[in-house]
Amino acid sequence: MAATTHAVVPPAHQPVEVSAESIWRLSVDQYHAMIQAGILTDDDPVELLEGWLVTKMSKNPKHRVVTQLIREAIAQILPTGWYVDVQEPVTTKDSEPEPNVAVVRGNRRQYFDHHPSPQDIALVVEVADSSLRRDRTLKKRIYAAAGISIYWIVNLLANEIEVHSEPSEPSEQPDYRQQQTFGLEDTIAIILHGREIGSLSVRELLS
């Protein structure tokens, strides 16, 4: 079964839904300062998205298992000089999302004093059920604006994986120019900065 491929037509910009009252947006530096001061801790289920503290979605058992299956499968084929992070921060200009899976350049020890930035990332993956709308709008906009080259949305509701590529980077309506949708009978190529290093079965990742 061939994957479905089509060019993406950028949607109208969809802002984060916030209160009509005056709200103070945070910079990444202010967010880090709150963490260092202990105002925010690992127990607080939030991430910084476009300057807003946004509550993370809850996870069901399949979400947890699929996240780990993807991590393990990608880790097995990565060459030296790359590793896989799970639910760890990536620092962009105005956000610090924590993707379910990220493929990161280098080794873990070089990130003792900072989180990976978009230039260090080859792939981000969001596993989506209740978070599907957010992952297709807010998260996609953040990753595209940051120039992260490939973004997967693992749609647990439809048993499909959407692969978004060719980011627009900063623009009025950041988005990915290309999208491919892979079903259970398909395989997905793993690309590191334009070079295919292997492929994975969608069925083995989702079931």
N, C-alpha and C. Protein backbone atom coordinates (compact mmCIF):
# COMPACT_ATOMS: atom_id res chain seq x y z
N MET A 1 0.85 -1.20 0.00
CA MET A 1 0.00 0.00 0.00
C MET A 1 0.88 1.25 0.00
N ALA A 2 0.69 2.14 -0.91
CA ALA A 2 1.52 3.34 -1.02
C ALA A 2 1.04 4.41 -0.07
N ALA A 3 1.98 5.16 0.47
CA ALA A 3 1.61 6.26 1.35
C ALA A 3 0.94 7.36 0.55
N THR A 4 0.04 8.06 1.20
CA THR A 4 -0.63 9.20 0.58
C THR A 4 0.25 10.43 0.72
N THR A 5 0.51 11.13 -0.40
CA THR A 5 1.38 12.30 -0.38
C THR A 5 0.65 13.48 -0.98
N HIS A 6 0.77 14.63 -0.34
CA HIS A 6 0.21 15.83 -0.94
C HIS A 6 0.90 17.06 -0.38
N ALA A 7 0.92 18.10 -1.16
CA ALA A 7 1.46 19.37 -0.69
C ALA A 7 0.49 19.97 0.31
N VAL A 8 1.04 20.69 1.27
CA VAL A 8 0.22 21.28 2.32
C VAL A 8 -0.12 22.71 1.96
N VAL A 9 -1.39 23.03 2.02
CA VAL A 9 -1.85 24.42 1.86
C VAL A 9 -1.94 25.02 3.25
N PRO A 10 -1.16 26.07 3.56
CA PRO A 10 -1.16 26.60 4.92
C PRO A 10 -2.54 27.07 5.34
N PRO A 11 -3.00 26.63 6.54
CA PRO A 11 -4.28 27.09 7.04
C PRO A 11 -4.17 28.50 7.57
N ALA A 12 -5.31 29.10 7.83
CA ALA A 12 -5.30 30.39 8.49
C ALA A 12 -4.62 30.25 9.84
N HIS A 13 -3.86 31.26 10.24
CA HIS A 13 -3.14 31.20 11.51
C HIS A 13 -4.13 31.00 12.65
N GLN A 14 -3.85 29.99 13.48
CA GLN A 14 -4.75 29.67 14.58
C GLN A 14 -4.06 29.98 15.89
N PRO A 15 -4.38 31.09 16.54
CA PRO A 15 -3.70 31.46 17.78
C PRO A 15 -4.08 30.53 18.92
N VAL A 16 -3.24 30.53 19.95
CA VAL A 16 -3.56 29.77 21.15
C VAL A 16 -4.81 30.37 21.78
N GLU A 17 -5.71 29.52 22.26
CA GLU A 17 -6.92 30.01 22.90
C GLU A 17 -6.59 30.42 24.33
N VAL A 18 -6.75 31.70 24.63
CA VAL A 18 -6.45 32.22 25.96
C VAL A 18 -7.60 33.08 26.43
N SER A 19 -7.56 33.44 27.70
CA SER A 19 -8.61 34.27 28.29
C SER A 19 -8.62 35.65 27.66
N ALA A 20 -9.78 36.29 27.68
CA ALA A 20 -9.90 37.66 27.18
C ALA A 20 -9.21 38.65 28.13
N GLU A 21 -8.94 38.24 29.37
CA GLU A 21 -8.26 39.10 30.32
C GLU A 21 -6.80 39.27 29.91
N SER A 22 -6.15 40.33 30.43
CA SER A 22 -4.74 40.56 30.14
C SER A 22 -3.91 39.44 30.75
N ILE A 23 -3.03 38.86 29.93
CA ILE A 23 -2.18 37.76 30.38
C ILE A 23 -0.75 38.06 29.97
N TRP A 24 0.18 37.77 30.86
CA TRP A 24 1.58 38.04 30.61
C TRP A 24 2.24 36.82 30.01
N ARG A 25 2.80 36.99 28.80
CA ARG A 25 3.49 35.89 28.16
C ARG A 25 4.91 35.80 28.69
N LEU A 26 5.42 34.58 28.77
CA LEU A 26 6.76 34.32 29.28
C LEU A 26 7.75 34.16 28.13
N SER A 27 8.97 34.65 28.35
CA SER A 27 10.06 34.33 27.44
C SER A 27 10.66 32.99 27.87
N VAL A 28 11.47 32.42 27.00
CA VAL A 28 12.15 31.17 27.36
C VAL A 28 13.05 31.39 28.57
N ASP A 29 13.75 32.52 28.63
CA ASP A 29 14.63 32.81 29.78
C ASP A 29 13.83 32.91 31.07
N GLN A 30 12.67 33.55 31.03
CA GLN A 30 11.84 33.65 32.23
C GLN A 30 11.33 32.26 32.65
N TYR A 31 10.98 31.46 31.69
CA TYR A 31 10.54 30.09 31.98
C TYR A 31 11.66 29.31 32.67
N HIS A 32 12.88 29.43 32.14
CA HIS A 32 14.01 28.74 32.76
C HIS A 32 14.26 29.25 34.18
N ALA A 33 14.11 30.56 34.37
CA ALA A 33 14.32 31.14 35.70
C ALA A 33 13.30 30.58 36.70
N MET A 34 12.06 30.39 36.27
CA MET A 34 11.04 29.82 37.14
C MET A 34 11.39 28.38 37.53
N ILE A 35 11.96 27.64 36.60
CA ILE A 35 12.37 26.27 36.89
C ILE A 35 13.55 26.26 37.87
N GLN A 36 14.54 27.12 37.61
CA GLN A 36 15.72 27.17 38.48
C GLN A 36 15.36 27.62 39.89
N ALA A 37 14.34 28.47 40.01
CA ALA A 37 13.91 28.96 41.32
C ALA A 37 13.00 27.98 42.05
N GLY A 38 12.62 26.89 41.37
CA GLY A 38 11.74 25.91 41.99
C GLY A 38 10.27 26.27 41.92
N ILE A 39 9.93 27.34 41.18
CA ILE A 39 8.52 27.72 41.03
C ILE A 39 7.80 26.67 40.19
N LEU A 40 8.49 26.19 39.18
CA LEU A 40 8.00 25.06 38.38
C LEU A 40 8.91 23.87 38.62
N THR A 41 8.33 22.69 38.77
CA THR A 41 9.11 21.48 39.02
C THR A 41 8.72 20.41 38.01
N ASP A 42 9.44 19.28 38.07
CA ASP A 42 9.13 18.16 37.18
C ASP A 42 7.72 17.62 37.41
N ASP A 43 7.15 17.92 38.56
CA ASP A 43 5.80 17.43 38.87
C ASP A 43 4.71 18.30 38.25
N ASP A 44 5.07 19.47 37.73
CA ASP A 44 4.08 20.35 37.11
C ASP A 44 3.87 19.94 35.66
N PRO A 45 2.66 19.53 35.28
CA PRO A 45 2.43 18.99 33.92
C PRO A 45 2.22 20.08 32.89
N VAL A 46 3.25 20.92 32.68
CA VAL A 46 3.13 22.02 31.73
C VAL A 46 4.35 22.06 30.82
N GLU A 47 4.19 22.72 29.67
CA GLU A 47 5.30 23.03 28.79
C GLU A 47 5.07 24.42 28.22
N LEU A 48 6.14 25.09 27.81
CA LEU A 48 6.05 26.45 27.28
C LEU A 48 5.83 26.38 25.77
N LEU A 49 4.68 26.88 25.31
CA LEU A 49 4.33 26.86 23.89
C LEU A 49 3.95 28.26 23.45
N GLU A 50 4.78 28.85 22.60
CA GLU A 50 4.57 30.22 22.11
C GLU A 50 4.35 31.21 23.25
N GLY A 51 5.12 31.05 24.31
CA GLY A 51 5.07 31.99 25.42
C GLY A 51 4.03 31.68 26.48
N TRP A 52 3.19 30.67 26.27
CA TRP A 52 2.15 30.31 27.23
C TRP A 52 2.53 29.02 27.95
N LEU A 53 2.20 28.94 29.22
CA LEU A 53 2.31 27.68 29.96
C LEU A 53 1.08 26.85 29.64
N VAL A 54 1.26 25.75 28.95
CA VAL A 54 0.15 24.93 28.47
C VAL A 54 0.20 23.57 29.17
N THR A 55 -0.95 23.13 29.66
CA THR A 55 -1.03 21.85 30.35
C THR A 55 -0.81 20.70 29.38
N LYS A 56 0.03 19.75 29.76
CA LYS A 56 0.24 18.57 28.92
C LYS A 56 -0.99 17.67 28.96
N MET A 57 -1.24 16.98 27.87
CA MET A 57 -2.36 16.05 27.80
C MET A 57 -2.04 14.78 28.60
N SER A 58 -3.07 14.16 29.14
CA SER A 58 -2.88 12.89 29.83
C SER A 58 -2.62 11.78 28.82
N LYS A 59 -2.06 10.66 29.29
CA LYS A 59 -1.66 9.57 28.39
C LYS A 59 -2.37 8.29 28.79
N ASN A 60 -2.90 7.59 27.77
CA ASN A 60 -3.48 6.28 28.04
C ASN A 60 -2.42 5.20 27.81
N PRO A 61 -2.69 3.93 28.15
CA PRO A 61 -1.67 2.89 28.02
C PRO A 61 -1.10 2.74 26.61
N LYS A 62 -1.96 2.81 25.58
CA LYS A 62 -1.45 2.65 24.22
C LYS A 62 -0.48 3.78 23.86
N HIS A 63 -0.77 4.99 24.29
CA HIS A 63 0.12 6.12 24.05
C HIS A 63 1.50 5.82 24.62
N ARG A 64 1.54 5.35 25.84
CA ARG A 64 2.82 5.05 26.50
C ARG A 64 3.59 3.96 25.77
N VAL A 65 2.88 2.88 25.40
CA VAL A 65 3.55 1.75 24.74
C VAL A 65 4.06 2.15 23.36
N VAL A 66 3.24 2.85 22.57
CA VAL A 66 3.66 3.24 21.22
C VAL A 66 4.87 4.18 21.30
N THR A 67 4.87 5.10 22.25
CA THR A 67 6.03 5.98 22.42
C THR A 67 7.30 5.19 22.62
N GLN A 68 7.24 4.18 23.48
CA GLN A 68 8.43 3.37 23.75
C GLN A 68 8.81 2.50 22.56
N LEU A 69 7.82 1.97 21.85
CA LEU A 69 8.12 1.16 20.66
C LEU A 69 8.85 1.99 19.61
N ILE A 70 8.40 3.23 19.42
CA ILE A 70 9.06 4.11 18.45
C ILE A 70 10.48 4.43 18.91
N ARG A 71 10.63 4.75 20.17
CA ARG A 71 11.98 5.06 20.69
C ARG A 71 12.92 3.89 20.46
N GLU A 72 12.48 2.68 20.83
CA GLU A 72 13.35 1.51 20.72
C GLU A 72 13.68 1.20 19.26
N ALA A 73 12.68 1.31 18.37
CA ALA A 73 12.90 0.98 16.96
C ALA A 73 13.88 1.96 16.31
N ILE A 74 13.72 3.25 16.58
CA ILE A 74 14.63 4.24 15.99
C ILE A 74 16.03 4.09 16.56
N ALA A 75 16.13 3.87 17.87
CA ALA A 75 17.45 3.75 18.50
C ALA A 75 18.27 2.62 17.90
N GLN A 76 17.62 1.56 17.46
CA GLN A 76 18.33 0.40 16.92
C GLN A 76 19.00 0.69 15.59
N ILE A 77 18.54 1.70 14.86
CA ILE A 77 19.12 1.95 13.53
C ILE A 77 19.90 3.25 13.45
N LEU A 78 19.99 4.00 14.54
CA LEU A 78 20.73 5.26 14.49
C LEU A 78 22.23 5.01 14.40
N PRO A 79 22.92 5.79 13.57
CA PRO A 79 24.38 5.69 13.52
C PRO A 79 25.01 6.39 14.72
N THR A 80 26.30 6.17 14.90
CA THR A 80 27.04 6.87 15.95
C THR A 80 26.91 8.37 15.74
N GLY A 81 26.77 9.08 16.84
CA GLY A 81 26.64 10.53 16.76
C GLY A 81 25.22 11.03 16.88
N TRP A 82 24.27 10.11 17.13
CA TRP A 82 22.86 10.47 17.33
C TRP A 82 22.30 9.63 18.48
N TYR A 83 21.28 10.16 19.15
CA TYR A 83 20.58 9.38 20.17
C TYR A 83 19.11 9.79 20.19
N VAL A 84 18.31 9.02 20.93
CA VAL A 84 16.86 9.26 21.01
C VAL A 84 16.50 9.78 22.39
N ASP A 85 15.78 10.89 22.43
CA ASP A 85 15.21 11.41 23.68
C ASP A 85 13.72 11.09 23.72
N VAL A 86 13.18 10.94 24.92
CA VAL A 86 11.75 10.71 25.10
C VAL A 86 11.21 11.73 26.09
N GLN A 87 10.26 12.56 25.62
CA GLN A 87 9.57 13.51 26.46
C GLN A 87 10.52 14.44 27.21
N GLU A 88 11.52 14.93 26.46
CA GLU A 88 12.50 15.87 27.02
C GLU A 88 12.43 17.19 26.24
N PRO A 89 12.84 18.31 26.87
CA PRO A 89 12.66 19.62 26.26
C PRO A 89 13.54 19.85 25.03
N VAL A 90 12.99 20.61 24.10
CA VAL A 90 13.71 21.17 22.96
C VAL A 90 13.48 22.68 23.02
N THR A 91 14.55 23.46 23.05
CA THR A 91 14.42 24.91 23.23
C THR A 91 14.38 25.61 21.88
N THR A 92 13.29 26.32 21.61
CA THR A 92 13.17 27.15 20.41
C THR A 92 13.17 28.62 20.83
N LYS A 93 12.91 29.51 19.89
CA LYS A 93 12.95 30.94 20.18
C LYS A 93 11.94 31.34 21.25
N ASP A 94 10.71 30.83 21.17
CA ASP A 94 9.66 31.26 22.10
C ASP A 94 8.96 30.10 22.81
N SER A 95 9.50 28.90 22.67
CA SER A 95 8.82 27.72 23.21
C SER A 95 9.83 26.72 23.74
N GLU A 96 9.32 25.80 24.56
CA GLU A 96 10.13 24.66 24.98
C GLU A 96 9.23 23.43 25.05
N PRO A 97 8.82 22.92 23.87
CA PRO A 97 7.99 21.72 23.84
C PRO A 97 8.78 20.51 24.30
N GLU A 98 8.05 19.48 24.69
CA GLU A 98 8.66 18.22 25.12
C GLU A 98 8.07 17.10 24.27
N PRO A 99 8.58 16.93 23.05
CA PRO A 99 8.02 15.92 22.14
C PRO A 99 8.13 14.53 22.73
N ASN A 100 7.19 13.66 22.34
CA ASN A 100 7.23 12.30 22.84
C ASN A 100 8.53 11.59 22.49
N VAL A 101 9.03 11.83 21.26
CA VAL A 101 10.29 11.26 20.82
C VAL A 101 11.03 12.33 20.01
N ALA A 102 12.35 12.40 20.18
CA ALA A 102 13.18 13.28 19.36
C ALA A 102 14.50 12.59 19.05
N VAL A 103 14.97 12.75 17.82
CA VAL A 103 16.27 12.25 17.42
C VAL A 103 17.24 13.42 17.50
N VAL A 104 18.27 13.27 18.34
CA VAL A 104 19.15 14.38 18.70
C VAL A 104 20.59 14.10 18.25
N ARG A 105 21.23 15.13 17.72
CA ARG A 105 22.62 15.01 17.30
C ARG A 105 23.57 15.03 18.51
N GLY A 106 24.65 14.26 18.45
CA GLY A 106 25.67 14.29 19.49
C GLY A 106 25.50 13.19 20.51
N ASN A 107 25.88 13.49 21.74
CA ASN A 107 25.70 12.55 22.85
C ASN A 107 25.13 13.29 24.04
N ARG A 108 24.56 12.56 24.96
CA ARG A 108 23.83 13.17 26.07
C ARG A 108 24.72 14.09 26.91
N ARG A 109 25.99 13.75 27.07
CA ARG A 109 26.86 14.51 27.96
C ARG A 109 27.10 15.95 27.50
N GLN A 110 26.91 16.22 26.23
CA GLN A 110 27.14 17.59 25.77
C GLN A 110 25.99 18.53 26.10
N TYR A 111 24.92 17.99 26.70
CA TYR A 111 23.75 18.81 27.02
C TYR A 111 23.57 18.97 28.53
N PHE A 112 24.68 18.93 29.29
CA PHE A 112 24.58 19.15 30.73
C PHE A 112 24.08 20.55 31.07
N ASP A 113 24.43 21.55 30.26
CA ASP A 113 24.11 22.93 30.62
C ASP A 113 23.07 23.58 29.72
N HIS A 114 22.50 22.84 28.79
CA HIS A 114 21.44 23.40 27.95
C HIS A 114 20.67 22.26 27.30
N HIS A 115 19.44 22.57 26.87
CA HIS A 115 18.64 21.59 26.14
C HIS A 115 19.00 21.64 24.65
N PRO A 116 18.73 20.57 23.91
CA PRO A 116 18.92 20.63 22.46
C PRO A 116 18.10 21.75 21.84
N SER A 117 18.64 22.33 20.77
CA SER A 117 17.93 23.35 20.00
C SER A 117 17.50 22.74 18.67
N PRO A 118 16.69 23.45 17.89
CA PRO A 118 16.23 22.87 16.61
C PRO A 118 17.36 22.42 15.69
N GLN A 119 18.51 23.10 15.74
CA GLN A 119 19.64 22.72 14.89
C GLN A 119 20.20 21.35 15.26
N ASP A 120 19.89 20.89 16.48
CA ASP A 120 20.39 19.60 16.95
C ASP A 120 19.41 18.46 16.66
N ILE A 121 18.25 18.77 16.12
CA ILE A 121 17.16 17.81 15.99
C ILE A 121 16.94 17.40 14.54
N ALA A 122 16.89 16.08 14.29
CA ALA A 122 16.58 15.58 12.94
C ALA A 122 15.12 15.21 12.80
N LEU A 123 14.47 14.82 13.89
CA LEU A 123 13.09 14.33 13.85
C LEU A 123 12.44 14.56 15.20
N VAL A 124 11.19 15.04 15.19
CA VAL A 124 10.37 15.04 16.40
C VAL A 124 9.11 14.24 16.13
N VAL A 125 8.63 13.58 17.17
CA VAL A 125 7.44 12.72 17.07
C VAL A 125 6.49 13.07 18.20
N GLU A 126 5.22 13.32 17.85
CA GLU A 126 4.16 13.46 18.84
C GLU A 126 3.18 12.30 18.66
N VAL A 127 2.93 11.56 19.72
CA VAL A 127 1.95 10.48 19.70
C VAL A 127 0.62 11.08 20.14
N ALA A 128 -0.40 10.94 19.29
CA ALA A 128 -1.61 11.75 19.47
C ALA A 128 -2.86 10.89 19.58
N ASP A 129 -3.65 11.17 20.60
CA ASP A 129 -5.04 10.72 20.68
C ASP A 129 -5.85 11.94 21.12
N SER A 130 -5.91 12.20 22.42
CA SER A 130 -6.62 13.41 22.87
C SER A 130 -5.89 14.69 22.44
N SER A 131 -4.60 14.60 22.15
CA SER A 131 -3.82 15.79 21.78
C SER A 131 -3.77 16.03 20.28
N LEU A 132 -4.54 15.30 19.48
CA LEU A 132 -4.41 15.36 18.03
C LEU A 132 -4.58 16.78 17.48
N ARG A 133 -5.61 17.49 17.93
CA ARG A 133 -5.84 18.84 17.41
C ARG A 133 -4.66 19.75 17.74
N ARG A 134 -4.16 19.69 18.96
CA ARG A 134 -3.01 20.52 19.35
C ARG A 134 -1.77 20.16 18.54
N ASP A 135 -1.55 18.87 18.32
CA ASP A 135 -0.36 18.44 17.59
C ASP A 135 -0.41 18.86 16.12
N ARG A 136 -1.64 18.96 15.55
CA ARG A 136 -1.78 19.36 14.15
C ARG A 136 -1.79 20.87 13.96
N THR A 137 -1.90 21.62 15.03
CA THR A 137 -1.97 23.07 14.90
C THR A 137 -0.81 23.73 15.65
N LEU A 138 -0.94 23.87 16.95
CA LEU A 138 0.04 24.59 17.75
C LEU A 138 1.43 23.95 17.68
N LYS A 139 1.52 22.64 17.93
CA LYS A 139 2.83 21.98 17.91
C LYS A 139 3.44 22.01 16.51
N LYS A 140 2.61 21.77 15.49
CA LYS A 140 3.14 21.78 14.12
C LYS A 140 3.67 23.17 13.76
N ARG A 141 2.96 24.19 14.18
CA ARG A 141 3.39 25.56 13.90
C ARG A 141 4.74 25.85 14.58
N ILE A 142 4.89 25.41 15.82
CA ILE A 142 6.14 25.64 16.55
C ILE A 142 7.30 24.93 15.88
N TYR A 143 7.11 23.65 15.52
CA TYR A 143 8.21 22.89 14.92
C TYR A 143 8.56 23.42 13.54
N ALA A 144 7.55 23.83 12.76
CA ALA A 144 7.82 24.38 11.43
C ALA A 144 8.57 25.71 11.53
N ALA A 145 8.13 26.58 12.45
CA ALA A 145 8.78 27.87 12.62
C ALA A 145 10.24 27.71 13.05
N ALA A 146 10.51 26.66 13.82
CA ALA A 146 11.87 26.40 14.31
C ALA A 146 12.75 25.76 13.24
N GLY A 147 12.15 25.32 12.13
CA GLY A 147 12.93 24.72 11.06
C GLY A 147 13.30 23.27 11.30
N ILE A 148 12.58 22.58 12.20
CA ILE A 148 12.84 21.15 12.42
C ILE A 148 12.38 20.40 11.18
N SER A 149 13.28 19.64 10.57
CA SER A 149 13.07 19.19 9.19
C SER A 149 11.96 18.16 9.04
N ILE A 150 11.76 17.29 10.02
CA ILE A 150 10.73 16.25 9.89
C ILE A 150 9.95 16.13 11.20
N TYR A 151 8.64 16.09 11.08
CA TYR A 151 7.74 16.00 12.23
C TYR A 151 6.73 14.90 11.97
N TRP A 152 6.70 13.91 12.87
CA TRP A 152 5.69 12.84 12.79
C TRP A 152 4.56 13.13 13.76
N ILE A 153 3.33 12.94 13.30
CA ILE A 153 2.17 12.87 14.20
C ILE A 153 1.65 11.42 14.12
N VAL A 154 1.77 10.71 15.22
CA VAL A 154 1.32 9.32 15.27
C VAL A 154 -0.13 9.34 15.73
N ASN A 155 -1.03 9.19 14.78
CA ASN A 155 -2.47 9.31 15.03
C ASN A 155 -3.00 7.96 15.51
N LEU A 156 -3.15 7.81 16.82
CA LEU A 156 -3.63 6.55 17.39
C LEU A 156 -5.10 6.30 17.08
N LEU A 157 -5.85 7.37 16.81
CA LEU A 157 -7.28 7.22 16.52
C LEU A 157 -7.51 6.55 15.17
N ALA A 158 -6.63 6.82 14.20
CA ALA A 158 -6.79 6.28 12.85
C ALA A 158 -5.75 5.22 12.51
N ASN A 159 -4.85 4.91 13.46
CA ASN A 159 -3.75 3.98 13.20
C ASN A 159 -2.95 4.39 11.97
N GLU A 160 -2.55 5.66 11.95
CA GLU A 160 -1.76 6.22 10.85
C GLU A 160 -0.64 7.07 11.42
N ILE A 161 0.37 7.30 10.60
CA ILE A 161 1.44 8.22 10.95
C ILE A 161 1.54 9.28 9.86
N GLU A 162 1.39 10.53 10.25
CA GLU A 162 1.54 11.66 9.34
C GLU A 162 2.99 12.12 9.41
N VAL A 163 3.64 12.20 8.25
CA VAL A 163 5.01 12.68 8.20
C VAL A 163 5.03 14.04 7.51
N HIS A 164 5.39 15.07 8.25
CA HIS A 164 5.44 16.44 7.74
C HIS A 164 6.90 16.81 7.48
N SER A 165 7.16 17.41 6.33
CA SER A 165 8.53 17.77 5.95
C SER A 165 8.53 19.09 5.20
N GLU A 166 9.74 19.60 4.94
CA GLU A 166 9.94 20.90 4.28
C GLU A 166 9.31 22.04 5.08
N PRO A 167 9.86 22.34 6.24
CA PRO A 167 9.31 23.42 7.07
C PRO A 167 9.50 24.78 6.43
N SER A 168 8.52 25.64 6.64
CA SER A 168 8.62 27.01 6.12
C SER A 168 9.57 27.86 6.93
N GLU A 169 9.84 27.45 8.19
CA GLU A 169 10.61 28.24 9.15
C GLU A 169 9.82 29.52 9.47
N PRO A 170 10.44 30.53 10.13
CA PRO A 170 9.64 31.69 10.56
C PRO A 170 8.91 32.36 9.39
N SER A 171 7.63 32.58 9.56
CA SER A 171 6.81 33.24 8.55
C SER A 171 5.51 33.65 9.21
N GLU A 172 4.64 34.29 8.44
CA GLU A 172 3.35 34.68 8.99
C GLU A 172 2.53 33.47 9.40
N GLN A 173 2.62 32.39 8.62
CA GLN A 173 1.87 31.17 8.89
C GLN A 173 2.81 29.97 8.80
N PRO A 174 3.63 29.74 9.82
CA PRO A 174 4.59 28.63 9.75
C PRO A 174 3.88 27.29 9.55
N ASP A 175 4.40 26.47 8.65
CA ASP A 175 3.80 25.17 8.39
C ASP A 175 4.82 24.32 7.65
N TYR A 176 4.46 23.07 7.41
CA TYR A 176 5.26 22.17 6.58
C TYR A 176 4.64 22.12 5.20
N ARG A 177 5.48 22.13 4.16
CA ARG A 177 4.98 22.19 2.80
C ARG A 177 4.53 20.83 2.28
N GLN A 178 5.05 19.75 2.87
CA GLN A 178 4.70 18.41 2.40
C GLN A 178 4.17 17.56 3.55
N GLN A 179 3.20 16.70 3.23
CA GLN A 179 2.69 15.74 4.21
C GLN A 179 2.46 14.39 3.52
N GLN A 180 2.91 13.33 4.16
CA GLN A 180 2.62 11.98 3.72
C GLN A 180 1.93 11.25 4.87
N THR A 181 0.93 10.45 4.52
CA THR A 181 0.21 9.66 5.53
C THR A 181 0.47 8.19 5.28
N PHE A 182 0.94 7.49 6.32
CA PHE A 182 1.32 6.09 6.22
C PHE A 182 0.38 5.24 7.05
N GLY A 183 -0.18 4.18 6.44
CA GLY A 183 -1.07 3.26 7.12
C GLY A 183 -0.33 2.02 7.61
N LEU A 184 -1.09 1.07 8.15
CA LEU A 184 -0.50 -0.10 8.79
C LEU A 184 0.30 -0.98 7.83
N GLU A 185 -0.01 -0.93 6.54
CA GLU A 185 0.71 -1.76 5.58
C GLU A 185 1.97 -1.09 5.04
N ASP A 186 2.25 0.13 5.46
CA ASP A 186 3.37 0.90 4.91
C ASP A 186 4.62 0.80 5.78
N THR A 187 5.72 1.22 5.20
CA THR A 187 6.96 1.42 5.95
C THR A 187 7.36 2.89 5.81
N ILE A 188 8.05 3.40 6.84
CA ILE A 188 8.48 4.80 6.85
C ILE A 188 10.00 4.85 6.85
N ALA A 189 10.56 5.64 5.95
CA ALA A 189 12.00 5.85 5.93
C ALA A 189 12.41 6.77 7.08
N ILE A 190 13.53 6.46 7.70
CA ILE A 190 14.12 7.32 8.72
C ILE A 190 15.21 8.14 8.03
N ILE A 191 15.03 9.46 8.04
CA ILE A 191 15.91 10.37 7.32
C ILE A 191 16.69 11.22 8.32
N LEU A 192 18.00 11.24 8.18
CA LEU A 192 18.84 12.13 8.99
C LEU A 192 19.46 13.16 8.06
N HIS A 193 18.91 14.37 8.10
CA HIS A 193 19.40 15.47 7.28
C HIS A 193 19.61 15.06 5.83
N GLY A 194 18.56 14.50 5.25
CA GLY A 194 18.55 14.18 3.83
C GLY A 194 19.06 12.81 3.47
N ARG A 195 19.54 12.03 4.43
CA ARG A 195 20.07 10.70 4.14
C ARG A 195 19.23 9.63 4.81
N GLU A 196 18.74 8.67 4.03
CA GLU A 196 17.96 7.58 4.60
C GLU A 196 18.88 6.57 5.28
N ILE A 197 18.57 6.25 6.53
CA ILE A 197 19.41 5.31 7.28
C ILE A 197 18.71 3.98 7.54
N GLY A 198 17.44 3.89 7.17
CA GLY A 198 16.68 2.66 7.39
C GLY A 198 15.19 2.95 7.27
N SER A 199 14.38 1.93 7.52
CA SER A 199 12.93 2.12 7.46
C SER A 199 12.27 1.25 8.54
N LEU A 200 11.06 1.67 8.93
CA LEU A 200 10.33 1.00 9.99
C LEU A 200 8.91 0.66 9.52
N SER A 201 8.39 -0.47 9.99
CA SER A 201 7.03 -0.88 9.69
C SER A 201 6.05 -0.14 10.59
N VAL A 202 5.05 0.49 9.99
CA VAL A 202 4.02 1.18 10.77
C VAL A 202 3.30 0.20 11.67
N ARG A 203 2.97 -0.96 11.14
CA ARG A 203 2.24 -1.96 11.94
C ARG A 203 3.02 -2.34 13.21
N GLU A 204 4.34 -2.51 13.07
CA GLU A 204 5.14 -2.89 14.24
C GLU A 204 5.27 -1.76 15.26
N LEU A 205 5.10 -0.54 14.80
CA LEU A 205 5.15 0.60 15.73
C LEU A 205 3.82 0.81 16.45
N LEU A 206 2.71 0.45 15.80
CA LEU A 206 1.39 0.78 16.34
C LEU A 206 0.64 -0.41 16.91
N SER A 207 1.15 -1.61 16.77
CA SER A 207 0.40 -2.76 17.29
C SER A 207 1.33 -3.85 17.79
